[in-house]
């Protein structure tokens, strides 16, 4: 009976110790997306606690949990002047995650605030080094440059930059109007170039066609007849047919007399004086 009594007492004591341990915080749960850093008497232990249950010494150990998921951090709009002296406002987004919880807890006091402030200063520096056209059209290169600038100091904090992207570029209203006029002038220039090129090609084709028709006179007549057919198909206009000059020359040669012994004689034409046709006046009447 005595042994059983001691055994039951010992069991109660062990259960009480376990319950007290748990109540005082001797057992902690680390989630799957977190890592735990244990501080014992204010000094960080080297081993990082993995997800699951972790045992610590109550009232002596203190556990700080660090989220290792990718964090999306919007960078507030930053105003700056580009290299070609244009005032713009640019905002961006930074995607980062903690890869070394020990450094993220020890090396920097608040890594989220540090990342945000460093991203703002880096964004302003990038705006000053780039031109307006690069901000509008060559953003991929700027994204890579920003990521390189941010990765160097954050690697010492145990933070990895996944991606940096510029969300929006706000321009002054006067610059928007200037760009609109520039785009309109560029489109007009392209339209004129295209029109001039079409006229040049059409003139070149007409020149080639005229050369071919000059070598074959009948082709010109066929083209004329084809044009007549196209015009007559509408049946709502009066068509005036030109008479070929070659046909007139043919008839002229056919009707002209032939003189085998030389050129045709010249037949003098008697000129009639209008004064001779009048009757002479009577001299008696003149008296």
Foldseek 3Di string as FASTA:
>chain_A
DVVVVVVVVVVVVVVVVVVVCVVLPQKDFAAQQKKKWKAFQNRTDPDIHHGGIDGDGGPGIDIDIFGFDWDKDKADWDWEAACVGFIKIWIKIWIKGAQDVVLLVPVDPHVNVVLRVQLRVLVRVLRHHHDPVCVVPVFVVVFVVSQVSSQVVCVSSRMHTPTMGIDDMGGDPVVVVVVVVVVVVVVVVVVVVVVVVVVVVVVVVVVVVVVVCVVPVVVVVVVVVVVVVVVCVVVPDDDDDDDDPVVVVVVVVVPDDDDPPDDDDDDDDDDDDPVVVDDDDDVVVVD
